Amino acid sequence: MSFSGVVCRLGLGVVSFFLITLTVASATLPAGFTESVVASGLQSPTTMQFAPDGRLFVLEQSGRVRVIDNGALLATPFLTLTVDANGDRGLLWIAFDPDFATNRWVYLYYTVPAPDLHNRVVRVTANGNVAAAGSAVTILDLDPMSDRDDARFGIGAAQHRRPVEHRLKLFRFKHLAAA
């Protein structure tokens, strides 16, 4: 059986989600676990994140942000970005603003195509199940990248200040060549 989708594995009160794009004959699961396809029809999914309102946002490497709402993959993408999807580049990370219920901000991290190959963090405003037209704001353009750059980002609360501040955190890792 060949499929692209999001698989949910449940067991012993623990929920784990895995993005998969592979061909499988059969899966062997630990005792007490079950496997269910949450959505199919995704193309090269890279990551996913639950919005505070319960919708599941799934990123496709090619630049599409897909929404799974009430168990159904919506036909219209939330947003489609122009990306460089070669190798491990493309649309890679998503985070929701801590005040998403009020401001509807969604942050995305992706690779901008050549000739100016680099990674970017952009913020868009959700308008229902799509991004509001014209709402994209570039938050950060990283330096031009090499073939060995990688980065991760997320949003968290800085607990050391009063009142609590919410900050976008970007972690960039450089791969070093072996000596």
Foldseek 3Di string as FASTA:
>chain_A
DFWFAKKWKDFPNDIDIDGDGDDDPDDDDPPRIDIDGLETDAAQWADWDADPVGWIWIDHQQAFIWIQDPSYTDPDTQDGDHADSPDPFGWHDKEAFPVCVPFQKIWTWGFHDPPQTWIWIWIFHGDDRHTDPPRIDTPDTDHHDDPFKDKDKYWDWDPPDPPIDIDIDMGIDGDDDDD
